[in-house]
Amino acid sequence: MQEKQELKKTILITTLGVVLMFALVAVTFGFSKSKTNIPELFISERASGANIATELAKEVNVSVDALLEIDQLDREGRVFEARQIVSEQLSKVNQYQVITIDLADHLGSMAKASATIKPEEAKQLAIEAISTGVAMVSRLITYNALMDELFQTLDAKFLTGRVNGKSINNLVTELNNSARDINELNTSFNAILDNFDQTYAN
């Protein structure tokens, strides 16, 4: 399981590196100011990327709410129901990883397409959006790892009745911090893209 998670992280980190490389190339070898040119590829990938980012942010909030529900059930001694929710959340970890990779792929396509965006101000705005998206993917990688570790720990707690409460509390705090960052980055990502659309794509 650990090796599988590490492989997925490696794939994601490699993908992020490719995205940043294309973004750097786009800035370094940019075209001079001239008439507006927004590639159709960028527009379509931007729409897909924004939708996926928003969906991931929503799913993050769902998992945070699930933690509150698990805690309440635990306090009430309803361990079986709590374990059911834990199991549901664990089954989503791989799904979130796949969707995160999908988001990274769309960001990579946006970065490639940004090389021909004109004018330069539009290109810079596009690169800002891509960089924000990359930061979100990075936080999602962390969040997915924390989510897996936390729900595995909770499952062990409900099975054995023995667990380090401090460890769970620390994981919950880290998870909540990552969730907050993801939501903020998603808001920023979409706001920059909306600004791009209103200024250059309409």
N, C-alpha and C. Protein backbone atom coordinates (compact mmCIF):
# COMPACT_ATOMS: atom_id res chain seq x y z
N MET A 1 0.84 -1.21 0.00
CA MET A 1 0.00 0.00 0.00
C MET A 1 0.87 1.26 0.00
N GLN A 2 1.90 1.23 0.88
CA GLN A 2 2.80 2.38 0.98
C GLN A 2 3.53 2.61 -0.33
N GLU A 3 4.01 1.52 -0.97
CA GLU A 3 4.73 1.65 -2.24
C GLU A 3 3.82 2.19 -3.32
N LYS A 4 2.55 1.76 -3.29
CA LYS A 4 1.58 2.23 -4.28
C LYS A 4 1.35 3.72 -4.14
N GLN A 5 1.22 4.18 -2.88
CA GLN A 5 1.02 5.60 -2.61
C GLN A 5 2.23 6.41 -3.07
N GLU A 6 3.43 5.87 -2.79
CA GLU A 6 4.65 6.58 -3.19
C GLU A 6 4.75 6.69 -4.70
N LEU A 7 4.34 5.64 -5.42
CA LEU A 7 4.36 5.66 -6.88
C LEU A 7 3.44 6.75 -7.39
N LYS A 8 2.26 6.84 -6.80
CA LYS A 8 1.29 7.85 -7.24
C LYS A 8 1.83 9.25 -6.98
N LYS A 9 2.48 9.43 -5.83
CA LYS A 9 3.07 10.73 -5.52
C LYS A 9 4.15 11.08 -6.54
N THR A 10 4.96 10.08 -6.89
CA THR A 10 6.03 10.31 -7.87
C THR A 10 5.46 10.74 -9.21
N ILE A 11 4.39 10.06 -9.64
CA ILE A 11 3.74 10.40 -10.91
C ILE A 11 3.23 11.83 -10.87
N LEU A 12 2.60 12.19 -9.77
CA LEU A 12 2.04 13.54 -9.65
C LEU A 12 3.14 14.60 -9.63
N ILE A 13 4.19 14.34 -8.88
CA ILE A 13 5.29 15.31 -8.80
C ILE A 13 5.95 15.48 -10.16
N THR A 14 6.11 14.37 -10.89
CA THR A 14 6.68 14.44 -12.24
C THR A 14 5.79 15.27 -13.15
N THR A 15 4.48 15.04 -13.05
CA THR A 15 3.52 15.79 -13.86
C THR A 15 3.60 17.28 -13.54
N LEU A 16 3.71 17.61 -12.26
CA LEU A 16 3.82 19.01 -11.86
C LEU A 16 5.09 19.64 -12.43
N GLY A 17 6.17 18.87 -12.44
CA GLY A 17 7.41 19.38 -13.00
C GLY A 17 7.27 19.71 -14.47
N VAL A 18 6.56 18.86 -15.20
CA VAL A 18 6.32 19.11 -16.63
C VAL A 18 5.48 20.36 -16.82
N VAL A 19 4.45 20.51 -16.00
CA VAL A 19 3.59 21.70 -16.08
C VAL A 19 4.41 22.97 -15.89
N LEU A 20 5.25 22.99 -14.85
CA LEU A 20 6.05 24.17 -14.56
C LEU A 20 7.06 24.44 -15.67
N MET A 21 7.60 23.38 -16.26
CA MET A 21 8.56 23.54 -17.36
C MET A 21 7.91 24.25 -18.54
N PHE A 22 6.71 23.79 -18.92
CA PHE A 22 6.02 24.41 -20.03
C PHE A 22 5.64 25.86 -19.71
N ALA A 23 5.25 26.10 -18.46
CA ALA A 23 4.90 27.46 -18.06
C ALA A 23 6.11 28.38 -18.19
N LEU A 24 7.29 27.89 -17.76
CA LEU A 24 8.52 28.67 -17.85
C LEU A 24 8.88 28.95 -19.31
N VAL A 25 8.74 27.92 -20.15
CA VAL A 25 9.03 28.10 -21.58
C VAL A 25 8.09 29.13 -22.18
N ALA A 26 6.84 29.09 -21.78
CA ALA A 26 5.85 30.03 -22.31
C ALA A 26 6.22 31.47 -21.98
N VAL A 27 6.73 31.68 -20.77
CA VAL A 27 7.11 33.04 -20.37
C VAL A 27 8.41 33.46 -21.06
N THR A 28 9.37 32.55 -21.09
CA THR A 28 10.69 32.87 -21.63
C THR A 28 10.66 33.17 -23.11
N PHE A 29 9.89 32.39 -23.85
CA PHE A 29 9.84 32.55 -25.30
C PHE A 29 8.51 33.13 -25.76
N GLY A 30 8.03 34.10 -24.97
CA GLY A 30 6.74 34.72 -25.29
C GLY A 30 6.80 35.57 -26.54
N PHE A 31 5.63 35.76 -27.12
CA PHE A 31 5.52 36.59 -28.31
C PHE A 31 5.42 38.05 -27.88
N SER A 32 5.75 38.94 -28.80
CA SER A 32 5.63 40.36 -28.51
C SER A 32 4.16 40.75 -28.51
N LYS A 33 3.85 41.92 -27.95
CA LYS A 33 2.48 42.39 -27.87
C LYS A 33 1.91 42.59 -29.27
N SER A 34 0.73 42.08 -29.47
CA SER A 34 0.06 42.25 -30.75
C SER A 34 -1.40 41.97 -30.54
N LYS A 35 -2.08 41.58 -31.60
CA LYS A 35 -3.51 41.32 -31.47
C LYS A 35 -3.74 40.15 -30.51
N THR A 36 -4.94 40.11 -29.97
CA THR A 36 -5.29 39.06 -29.02
C THR A 36 -5.36 37.70 -29.69
N ASN A 37 -4.73 36.72 -29.06
CA ASN A 37 -4.82 35.34 -29.54
C ASN A 37 -4.96 34.41 -28.33
N ILE A 38 -6.15 33.84 -28.18
CA ILE A 38 -6.39 32.89 -27.11
C ILE A 38 -6.70 31.53 -27.75
N PRO A 39 -5.76 30.59 -27.70
CA PRO A 39 -5.96 29.29 -28.35
C PRO A 39 -7.20 28.56 -27.82
N GLU A 40 -7.90 27.90 -28.72
CA GLU A 40 -9.08 27.13 -28.34
C GLU A 40 -8.72 26.05 -27.32
N LEU A 41 -7.51 25.48 -27.47
CA LEU A 41 -7.08 24.45 -26.53
C LEU A 41 -7.04 24.99 -25.11
N PHE A 42 -6.52 26.21 -24.96
CA PHE A 42 -6.45 26.80 -23.63
C PHE A 42 -7.85 26.99 -23.06
N ILE A 43 -8.76 27.49 -23.88
CA ILE A 43 -10.13 27.75 -23.43
C ILE A 43 -10.81 26.46 -22.97
N SER A 44 -10.68 25.40 -23.76
CA SER A 44 -11.34 24.14 -23.40
C SER A 44 -10.69 23.49 -22.18
N GLU A 45 -9.36 23.53 -22.11
CA GLU A 45 -8.66 22.94 -20.97
C GLU A 45 -8.89 23.76 -19.71
N ARG A 46 -8.99 25.06 -19.87
CA ARG A 46 -9.28 25.95 -18.74
C ARG A 46 -10.63 25.61 -18.12
N ALA A 47 -11.64 25.37 -18.99
CA ALA A 47 -12.98 25.03 -18.51
C ALA A 47 -12.97 23.70 -17.76
N SER A 48 -12.30 22.72 -18.34
CA SER A 48 -12.22 21.40 -17.70
C SER A 48 -11.46 21.47 -16.38
N GLY A 49 -10.34 22.19 -16.39
CA GLY A 49 -9.53 22.32 -15.19
C GLY A 49 -10.28 22.99 -14.06
N ALA A 50 -11.02 24.05 -14.38
CA ALA A 50 -11.78 24.78 -13.36
C ALA A 50 -12.87 23.90 -12.77
N ASN A 51 -13.55 23.14 -13.62
CA ASN A 51 -14.61 22.25 -13.14
C ASN A 51 -14.06 21.16 -12.22
N ILE A 52 -12.92 20.58 -12.62
CA ILE A 52 -12.32 19.52 -11.81
C ILE A 52 -11.84 20.08 -10.47
N ALA A 53 -11.20 21.25 -10.50
CA ALA A 53 -10.70 21.87 -9.27
C ALA A 53 -11.85 22.14 -8.30
N THR A 54 -12.95 22.66 -8.82
CA THR A 54 -14.11 22.96 -7.98
C THR A 54 -14.70 21.68 -7.40
N GLU A 55 -14.78 20.64 -8.22
CA GLU A 55 -15.32 19.36 -7.75
C GLU A 55 -14.43 18.76 -6.66
N LEU A 56 -13.11 18.86 -6.84
CA LEU A 56 -12.19 18.34 -5.82
C LEU A 56 -12.33 19.11 -4.51
N ALA A 57 -12.48 20.43 -4.61
CA ALA A 57 -12.65 21.25 -3.40
C ALA A 57 -13.93 20.84 -2.67
N LYS A 58 -14.98 20.57 -3.42
CA LYS A 58 -16.24 20.13 -2.80
C LYS A 58 -16.06 18.78 -2.10
N GLU A 59 -15.35 17.87 -2.75
CA GLU A 59 -15.12 16.54 -2.17
C GLU A 59 -14.27 16.63 -0.91
N VAL A 60 -13.32 17.56 -0.91
CA VAL A 60 -12.52 17.79 0.30
C VAL A 60 -13.42 18.21 1.45
N ASN A 61 -14.36 19.10 1.18
CA ASN A 61 -15.28 19.56 2.22
C ASN A 61 -16.17 18.42 2.71
N VAL A 62 -16.55 17.52 1.79
CA VAL A 62 -17.36 16.36 2.17
C VAL A 62 -16.58 15.47 3.15
N SER A 63 -15.30 15.27 2.87
CA SER A 63 -14.50 14.41 3.76
C SER A 63 -14.28 15.06 5.12
N VAL A 64 -14.17 16.39 5.15
CA VAL A 64 -14.05 17.10 6.42
C VAL A 64 -15.34 16.95 7.23
N ASP A 65 -16.48 17.09 6.55
CA ASP A 65 -17.77 16.90 7.22
C ASP A 65 -17.91 15.47 7.74
N ALA A 66 -17.38 14.51 6.98
CA ALA A 66 -17.44 13.11 7.39
C ALA A 66 -16.69 12.90 8.71
N LEU A 67 -15.59 13.62 8.88
CA LEU A 67 -14.83 13.52 10.12
C LEU A 67 -15.67 13.96 11.32
N LEU A 68 -16.42 15.03 11.14
CA LEU A 68 -17.29 15.52 12.21
C LEU A 68 -18.36 14.49 12.55
N GLU A 69 -18.90 13.86 11.51
CA GLU A 69 -19.93 12.84 11.73
C GLU A 69 -19.34 11.62 12.44
N ILE A 70 -18.14 11.22 12.04
CA ILE A 70 -17.47 10.08 12.68
C ILE A 70 -17.22 10.37 14.15
N ASP A 71 -16.76 11.58 14.44
CA ASP A 71 -16.50 11.97 15.83
C ASP A 71 -17.77 11.90 16.67
N GLN A 72 -18.87 12.39 16.11
CA GLN A 72 -20.15 12.37 16.83
C GLN A 72 -20.61 10.93 17.08
N LEU A 73 -20.51 10.09 16.07
CA LEU A 73 -20.91 8.69 16.23
C LEU A 73 -20.03 7.98 17.26
N ASP A 74 -18.74 8.31 17.26
CA ASP A 74 -17.81 7.72 18.22
C ASP A 74 -18.20 8.10 19.64
N ARG A 75 -18.55 9.37 19.84
CA ARG A 75 -18.96 9.85 21.16
C ARG A 75 -20.23 9.13 21.64
N GLU A 76 -21.08 8.78 20.69
CA GLU A 76 -22.35 8.11 21.02
C GLU A 76 -22.19 6.59 21.11
N GLY A 77 -20.97 6.10 20.86
CA GLY A 77 -20.72 4.67 20.94
C GLY A 77 -21.23 3.87 19.76
N ARG A 78 -21.52 4.56 18.67
CA ARG A 78 -22.05 3.90 17.47
C ARG A 78 -20.88 3.55 16.53
N VAL A 79 -20.07 2.62 17.00
CA VAL A 79 -18.82 2.29 16.32
C VAL A 79 -19.06 1.69 14.94
N PHE A 80 -20.05 0.82 14.81
CA PHE A 80 -20.30 0.18 13.52
C PHE A 80 -20.60 1.22 12.44
N GLU A 81 -21.45 2.19 12.78
CA GLU A 81 -21.79 3.24 11.81
C GLU A 81 -20.59 4.12 11.51
N ALA A 82 -19.79 4.39 12.54
CA ALA A 82 -18.58 5.21 12.34
C ALA A 82 -17.62 4.50 11.38
N ARG A 83 -17.47 3.19 11.57
CA ARG A 83 -16.58 2.42 10.69
C ARG A 83 -17.08 2.39 9.25
N GLN A 84 -18.39 2.40 9.07
CA GLN A 84 -18.95 2.43 7.72
C GLN A 84 -18.53 3.69 6.98
N ILE A 85 -18.59 4.82 7.68
CA ILE A 85 -18.19 6.09 7.07
C ILE A 85 -16.69 6.11 6.80
N VAL A 86 -15.92 5.58 7.75
CA VAL A 86 -14.46 5.48 7.56
C VAL A 86 -14.16 4.67 6.30
N SER A 87 -14.85 3.54 6.15
CA SER A 87 -14.64 2.68 4.98
C SER A 87 -14.99 3.41 3.68
N GLU A 88 -16.09 4.16 3.71
CA GLU A 88 -16.50 4.93 2.53
C GLU A 88 -15.43 5.94 2.14
N GLN A 89 -14.88 6.62 3.14
CA GLN A 89 -13.87 7.64 2.87
C GLN A 89 -12.57 7.02 2.37
N LEU A 90 -12.19 5.88 2.93
CA LEU A 90 -10.98 5.20 2.46
C LEU A 90 -11.11 4.76 1.00
N SER A 91 -12.32 4.37 0.63
CA SER A 91 -12.54 3.92 -0.75
C SER A 91 -12.42 5.08 -1.74
N LYS A 92 -12.51 6.31 -1.24
CA LYS A 92 -12.44 7.48 -2.11
C LYS A 92 -11.01 7.98 -2.34
N VAL A 93 -10.06 7.49 -1.53
CA VAL A 93 -8.69 8.00 -1.62
C VAL A 93 -8.12 7.80 -3.03
N ASN A 94 -8.23 6.59 -3.55
CA ASN A 94 -7.71 6.32 -4.90
C ASN A 94 -8.43 7.15 -5.95
N GLN A 95 -9.75 7.30 -5.76
CA GLN A 95 -10.55 8.10 -6.70
C GLN A 95 -10.04 9.54 -6.73
N TYR A 96 -9.76 10.10 -5.55
CA TYR A 96 -9.26 11.48 -5.49
C TYR A 96 -7.89 11.59 -6.14
N GLN A 97 -7.06 10.55 -5.98
CA GLN A 97 -5.73 10.56 -6.61
C GLN A 97 -5.86 10.62 -8.12
N VAL A 98 -6.77 9.82 -8.67
CA VAL A 98 -6.98 9.78 -10.12
C VAL A 98 -7.46 11.14 -10.62
N ILE A 99 -8.40 11.74 -9.90
CA ILE A 99 -8.95 13.04 -10.32
C ILE A 99 -7.88 14.13 -10.20
N THR A 100 -7.04 14.02 -9.17
CA THR A 100 -5.95 14.99 -9.01
C THR A 100 -4.97 14.90 -10.17
N ILE A 101 -4.66 13.68 -10.59
CA ILE A 101 -3.79 13.50 -11.76
C ILE A 101 -4.44 14.09 -13.00
N ASP A 102 -5.75 13.93 -13.11
CA ASP A 102 -6.49 14.49 -14.25
C ASP A 102 -6.37 16.01 -14.26
N LEU A 103 -6.50 16.63 -13.08
CA LEU A 103 -6.35 18.08 -12.98
C LEU A 103 -4.95 18.50 -13.41
N ALA A 104 -3.94 17.77 -12.95
CA ALA A 104 -2.55 18.08 -13.33
C ALA A 104 -2.36 17.98 -14.84
N ASP A 105 -3.00 16.99 -15.46
CA ASP A 105 -2.91 16.83 -16.92
C ASP A 105 -3.50 18.04 -17.65
N HIS A 106 -4.65 18.50 -17.17
CA HIS A 106 -5.29 19.67 -17.79
C HIS A 106 -4.43 20.92 -17.61
N LEU A 107 -3.80 21.04 -16.45
CA LEU A 107 -2.90 22.18 -16.22
C LEU A 107 -1.71 22.12 -17.17
N GLY A 108 -1.22 20.90 -17.42
CA GLY A 108 -0.13 20.74 -18.38
C GLY A 108 -0.53 21.18 -19.77
N SER A 109 -1.74 20.83 -20.19
CA SER A 109 -2.24 21.24 -21.51
C SER A 109 -2.43 22.75 -21.57
N MET A 110 -2.89 23.34 -20.47
CA MET A 110 -3.04 24.80 -20.41
C MET A 110 -1.68 25.47 -20.55
N ALA A 111 -0.67 24.90 -19.88
CA ALA A 111 0.68 25.48 -19.95
C ALA A 111 1.23 25.44 -21.37
N LYS A 112 1.02 24.31 -22.05
CA LYS A 112 1.47 24.19 -23.44
C LYS A 112 0.78 25.23 -24.32
N ALA A 113 -0.53 25.33 -24.16
CA ALA A 113 -1.31 26.25 -24.99
C ALA A 113 -0.98 27.71 -24.70
N SER A 114 -0.53 28.00 -23.48
CA SER A 114 -0.27 29.39 -23.10
C SER A 114 0.90 30.00 -23.87
N ALA A 115 1.73 29.16 -24.49
CA ALA A 115 2.89 29.67 -25.23
C ALA A 115 2.51 30.61 -26.36
N THR A 116 1.31 30.44 -26.92
CA THR A 116 0.90 31.28 -28.06
C THR A 116 -0.15 32.31 -27.69
N ILE A 117 -0.40 32.47 -26.40
CA ILE A 117 -1.38 33.47 -25.97
C ILE A 117 -0.83 34.87 -26.19
N LYS A 118 -1.64 35.76 -26.72
CA LYS A 118 -1.31 37.17 -26.88
C LYS A 118 -2.51 37.99 -26.38
N PRO A 119 -2.26 39.18 -25.84
CA PRO A 119 -0.97 39.84 -25.62
C PRO A 119 -0.24 39.25 -24.41
N GLU A 120 0.92 39.81 -24.11
CA GLU A 120 1.75 39.30 -23.03
C GLU A 120 1.04 39.35 -21.68
N GLU A 121 0.23 40.41 -21.48
CA GLU A 121 -0.50 40.53 -20.21
C GLU A 121 -1.45 39.35 -20.02
N ALA A 122 -2.07 38.92 -21.12
CA ALA A 122 -2.98 37.77 -21.06
C ALA A 122 -2.21 36.51 -20.72
N LYS A 123 -1.03 36.38 -21.32
CA LYS A 123 -0.20 35.20 -21.06
C LYS A 123 0.22 35.15 -19.59
N GLN A 124 0.62 36.30 -19.05
CA GLN A 124 1.03 36.34 -17.65
C GLN A 124 -0.11 35.95 -16.72
N LEU A 125 -1.33 36.38 -17.06
CA LEU A 125 -2.50 36.04 -16.26
C LEU A 125 -2.77 34.53 -16.34
N ALA A 126 -2.60 33.99 -17.53
CA ALA A 126 -2.78 32.54 -17.72
C ALA A 126 -1.77 31.76 -16.89
N ILE A 127 -0.52 32.21 -16.91
CA ILE A 127 0.54 31.54 -16.14
C ILE A 127 0.26 31.64 -14.64
N GLU A 128 -0.29 32.78 -14.21
CA GLU A 128 -0.65 32.94 -12.79
C GLU A 128 -1.71 31.91 -12.40
N ALA A 129 -2.69 31.74 -13.28
CA ALA A 129 -3.74 30.75 -13.01
C ALA A 129 -3.16 29.34 -12.95
N ILE A 130 -2.29 29.02 -13.90
CA ILE A 130 -1.68 27.69 -13.94
C ILE A 130 -0.85 27.44 -12.68
N SER A 131 -0.07 28.43 -12.27
CA SER A 131 0.76 28.30 -11.07
C SER A 131 -0.10 28.06 -9.83
N THR A 132 -1.24 28.75 -9.77
CA THR A 132 -2.17 28.56 -8.66
C THR A 132 -2.75 27.16 -8.68
N GLY A 133 -3.08 26.69 -9.88
CA GLY A 133 -3.59 25.32 -10.03
C GLY A 133 -2.56 24.29 -9.61
N VAL A 134 -1.30 24.53 -9.97
CA VAL A 134 -0.22 23.62 -9.59
C VAL A 134 -0.08 23.58 -8.06
N ALA A 135 -0.18 24.75 -7.43
CA ALA A 135 -0.11 24.81 -5.97
C ALA A 135 -1.26 24.02 -5.34
N MET A 136 -2.43 24.10 -5.97
CA MET A 136 -3.58 23.34 -5.47
C MET A 136 -3.34 21.84 -5.59
N VAL A 137 -2.79 21.42 -6.72
CA VAL A 137 -2.48 19.99 -6.91
C VAL A 137 -1.49 19.52 -5.84
N SER A 138 -0.51 20.35 -5.55
CA SER A 138 0.49 20.02 -4.54
C SER A 138 -0.17 19.80 -3.18
N ARG A 139 -1.12 20.69 -2.84
CA ARG A 139 -1.83 20.56 -1.56
C ARG A 139 -2.74 19.33 -1.57
N LEU A 140 -3.31 19.03 -2.73
CA LEU A 140 -4.17 17.85 -2.84
C LEU A 140 -3.37 16.56 -2.62
N ILE A 141 -2.12 16.54 -3.10
CA ILE A 141 -1.26 15.38 -2.87
C ILE A 141 -1.08 15.17 -1.36
N THR A 142 -0.79 16.26 -0.67
CA THR A 142 -0.63 16.20 0.79
C THR A 142 -1.92 15.77 1.46
N TYR A 143 -3.03 16.35 1.01
CA TYR A 143 -4.33 16.05 1.60
C TYR A 143 -4.69 14.58 1.43
N ASN A 144 -4.47 14.05 0.24
CA ASN A 144 -4.79 12.64 -0.02
C ASN A 144 -4.00 11.71 0.89
N ALA A 145 -2.72 12.03 1.08
CA ALA A 145 -1.87 11.21 1.94
C ALA A 145 -2.34 11.28 3.40
N LEU A 146 -2.68 12.49 3.85
CA LEU A 146 -3.17 12.67 5.21
C LEU A 146 -4.51 11.97 5.42
N MET A 147 -5.37 12.09 4.42
CA MET A 147 -6.69 11.46 4.48
C MET A 147 -6.56 9.95 4.62
N ASP A 148 -5.68 9.37 3.83
CA ASP A 148 -5.47 7.93 3.89
C ASP A 148 -4.94 7.52 5.26
N GLU A 149 -3.94 8.25 5.75
CA GLU A 149 -3.35 7.92 7.05
C GLU A 149 -4.36 8.08 8.18
N LEU A 150 -5.13 9.17 8.15
CA LEU A 150 -6.08 9.44 9.23
C LEU A 150 -7.19 8.39 9.28
N PHE A 151 -7.78 8.10 8.13
CA PHE A 151 -8.89 7.14 8.14
C PHE A 151 -8.41 5.71 8.42
N GLN A 152 -7.17 5.39 8.03
CA GLN A 152 -6.59 4.10 8.40
C GLN A 152 -6.41 4.03 9.91
N THR A 153 -5.96 5.13 10.50
CA THR A 153 -5.75 5.19 11.95
C THR A 153 -7.07 5.07 12.69
N LEU A 154 -8.10 5.76 12.18
CA LEU A 154 -9.42 5.68 12.80
C LEU A 154 -9.99 4.27 12.70
N ASP A 155 -9.77 3.63 11.57
CA ASP A 155 -10.27 2.27 11.39
C ASP A 155 -9.61 1.33 12.41
N ALA A 156 -8.30 1.51 12.60
CA ALA A 156 -7.57 0.69 13.58
C ALA A 156 -8.09 0.95 14.99
N LYS A 157 -8.42 2.20 15.26
CA LYS A 157 -8.95 2.56 16.58
C LYS A 157 -10.27 1.83 16.85
N PHE A 158 -11.16 1.85 15.86
CA PHE A 158 -12.46 1.22 16.05
C PHE A 158 -12.36 -0.31 16.11
N LEU A 159 -11.32 -0.86 15.48
CA LEU A 159 -11.13 -2.31 15.49
C LEU A 159 -10.54 -2.80 16.81
N THR A 160 -9.55 -2.07 17.31
CA THR A 160 -8.80 -2.53 18.48
C THR A 160 -9.14 -1.77 19.76
N GLY A 161 -9.66 -0.55 19.60
CA GLY A 161 -9.95 0.27 20.77
C GLY A 161 -8.72 0.94 21.33
N ARG A 162 -7.58 0.74 20.67
CA ARG A 162 -6.32 1.34 21.14
C ARG A 162 -5.72 2.20 20.04
N VAL A 163 -5.43 3.44 20.38
CA VAL A 163 -4.81 4.33 19.42
C VAL A 163 -4.27 5.55 20.16
N ASN A 164 -3.30 6.19 19.56
CA ASN A 164 -2.73 7.40 20.13
C ASN A 164 -3.64 8.58 19.78
N GLY A 165 -4.38 9.07 20.78
CA GLY A 165 -5.31 10.17 20.55
C GLY A 165 -4.62 11.41 20.03
N LYS A 166 -3.38 11.64 20.50
CA LYS A 166 -2.62 12.81 20.05
C LYS A 166 -2.33 12.70 18.56
N SER A 167 -2.02 11.48 18.11
CA SER A 167 -1.73 11.26 16.69
C SER A 167 -2.94 11.61 15.84
N ILE A 168 -4.13 11.18 16.27
CA ILE A 168 -5.36 11.49 15.53
C ILE A 168 -5.61 12.99 15.52
N ASN A 169 -5.44 13.62 16.67
CA ASN A 169 -5.67 15.07 16.75
C ASN A 169 -4.73 15.83 15.82
N ASN A 170 -3.47 15.41 15.78
CA ASN A 170 -2.50 16.07 14.90
C ASN A 170 -2.87 15.90 13.43
N LEU A 171 -3.30 14.68 13.08
CA LEU A 171 -3.70 14.41 11.70
C LEU A 171 -4.93 15.22 11.30
N VAL A 172 -5.88 15.32 12.23
CA VAL A 172 -7.09 16.11 11.96
C VAL A 172 -6.73 17.57 11.73
N THR A 173 -5.83 18.10 12.56
CA THR A 173 -5.40 19.49 12.41
C THR A 173 -4.73 19.71 11.06
N GLU A 174 -3.82 18.81 10.69
CA GLU A 174 -3.13 18.93 9.40
C GLU A 174 -4.11 18.81 8.24
N LEU A 175 -5.07 17.90 8.37
CA LEU A 175 -6.06 17.70 7.31
C LEU A 175 -6.91 18.95 7.14
N ASN A 176 -7.34 19.52 8.25
CA ASN A 176 -8.16 20.74 8.18
C ASN A 176 -7.39 21.91 7.58
N ASN A 177 -6.11 22.01 7.93
CA ASN A 177 -5.28 23.07 7.36
C ASN A 177 -5.13 22.91 5.85
N SER A 178 -4.91 21.67 5.42
CA SER A 178 -4.79 21.40 3.98
C SER A 178 -6.11 21.69 3.27
N ALA A 179 -7.22 21.32 3.90
CA ALA A 179 -8.54 21.57 3.31
C ALA A 179 -8.77 23.07 3.12
N ARG A 180 -8.37 23.84 4.13
CA ARG A 180 -8.51 25.30 4.03
C ARG A 180 -7.68 25.84 2.87
N ASP A 181 -6.44 25.38 2.77
CA ASP A 181 -5.56 25.84 1.69
C ASP A 181 -6.14 25.48 0.32
N ILE A 182 -6.66 24.26 0.20
CA ILE A 182 -7.23 23.81 -1.08
C ILE A 182 -8.41 24.68 -1.48
N ASN A 183 -9.28 24.98 -0.54
CA ASN A 183 -10.43 25.83 -0.84
C ASN A 183 -10.01 27.23 -1.25
N GLU A 184 -9.02 27.77 -0.57
CA GLU A 184 -8.52 29.11 -0.91
C GLU A 184 -7.88 29.12 -2.30
N LEU A 185 -7.10 28.09 -2.59
CA LEU A 185 -6.44 28.02 -3.91
C LEU A 185 -7.46 27.81 -5.02
N ASN A 186 -8.49 27.01 -4.75
CA ASN A 186 -9.54 26.81 -5.75
C ASN A 186 -10.27 28.12 -6.05
N THR A 187 -10.57 28.88 -5.00
CA THR A 187 -11.23 30.19 -5.16
C THR A 187 -10.36 31.12 -5.99
N SER A 188 -9.06 31.14 -5.65
CA SER A 188 -8.10 31.99 -6.38
C SER A 188 -7.97 31.57 -7.83
N PHE A 189 -7.83 30.26 -8.06
CA PHE A 189 -7.69 29.69 -9.41
C PHE A 189 -8.86 30.11 -10.29
N ASN A 190 -10.07 29.94 -9.78
CA ASN A 190 -11.26 30.28 -10.56
C ASN A 190 -11.41 31.79 -10.74
N ALA A 191 -11.03 32.57 -9.72
CA ALA A 191 -11.13 34.03 -9.83
C ALA A 191 -10.18 34.56 -10.90
N ILE A 192 -8.97 34.03 -10.94
CA ILE A 192 -7.99 34.46 -11.96
C ILE A 192 -8.49 34.09 -13.36
N LEU A 193 -9.03 32.88 -13.50
CA LEU A 193 -9.54 32.45 -14.80
C LEU A 193 -10.76 33.28 -15.22
N ASP A 194 -11.61 33.63 -14.27
CA ASP A 194 -12.77 34.48 -14.59
C ASP A 194 -12.30 35.85 -15.06
N ASN A 195 -11.28 36.38 -14.39
CA ASN A 195 -10.71 37.66 -14.78
C ASN A 195 -10.12 37.57 -16.19
N PHE A 196 -9.44 36.45 -16.47
CA PHE A 196 -8.86 36.21 -17.80
C PHE A 196 -9.97 36.20 -18.85
N ASP A 197 -11.04 35.48 -18.56
CA ASP A 197 -12.16 35.38 -19.52
C ASP A 197 -12.78 36.75 -19.80
N GLN A 198 -13.05 37.48 -18.72
CA GLN A 198 -13.70 38.78 -18.86
C GLN A 198 -12.84 39.78 -19.62
N THR A 199 -11.53 39.68 -19.43
CA THR A 199 -10.62 40.66 -20.04
C THR A 199 -10.20 40.29 -21.46
N TYR A 200 -10.00 38.99 -21.70
CA TYR A 200 -9.40 38.61 -22.98
C TYR A 200 -10.19 37.59 -23.82
N ALA A 201 -11.04 36.80 -23.18
CA ALA A 201 -11.66 35.70 -23.92
C ALA A 201 -13.08 36.01 -24.41
N ASN A 202 -13.59 37.18 -24.08
CA ASN A 202 -14.95 37.52 -24.52
C ASN A 202 -14.94 38.46 -25.71
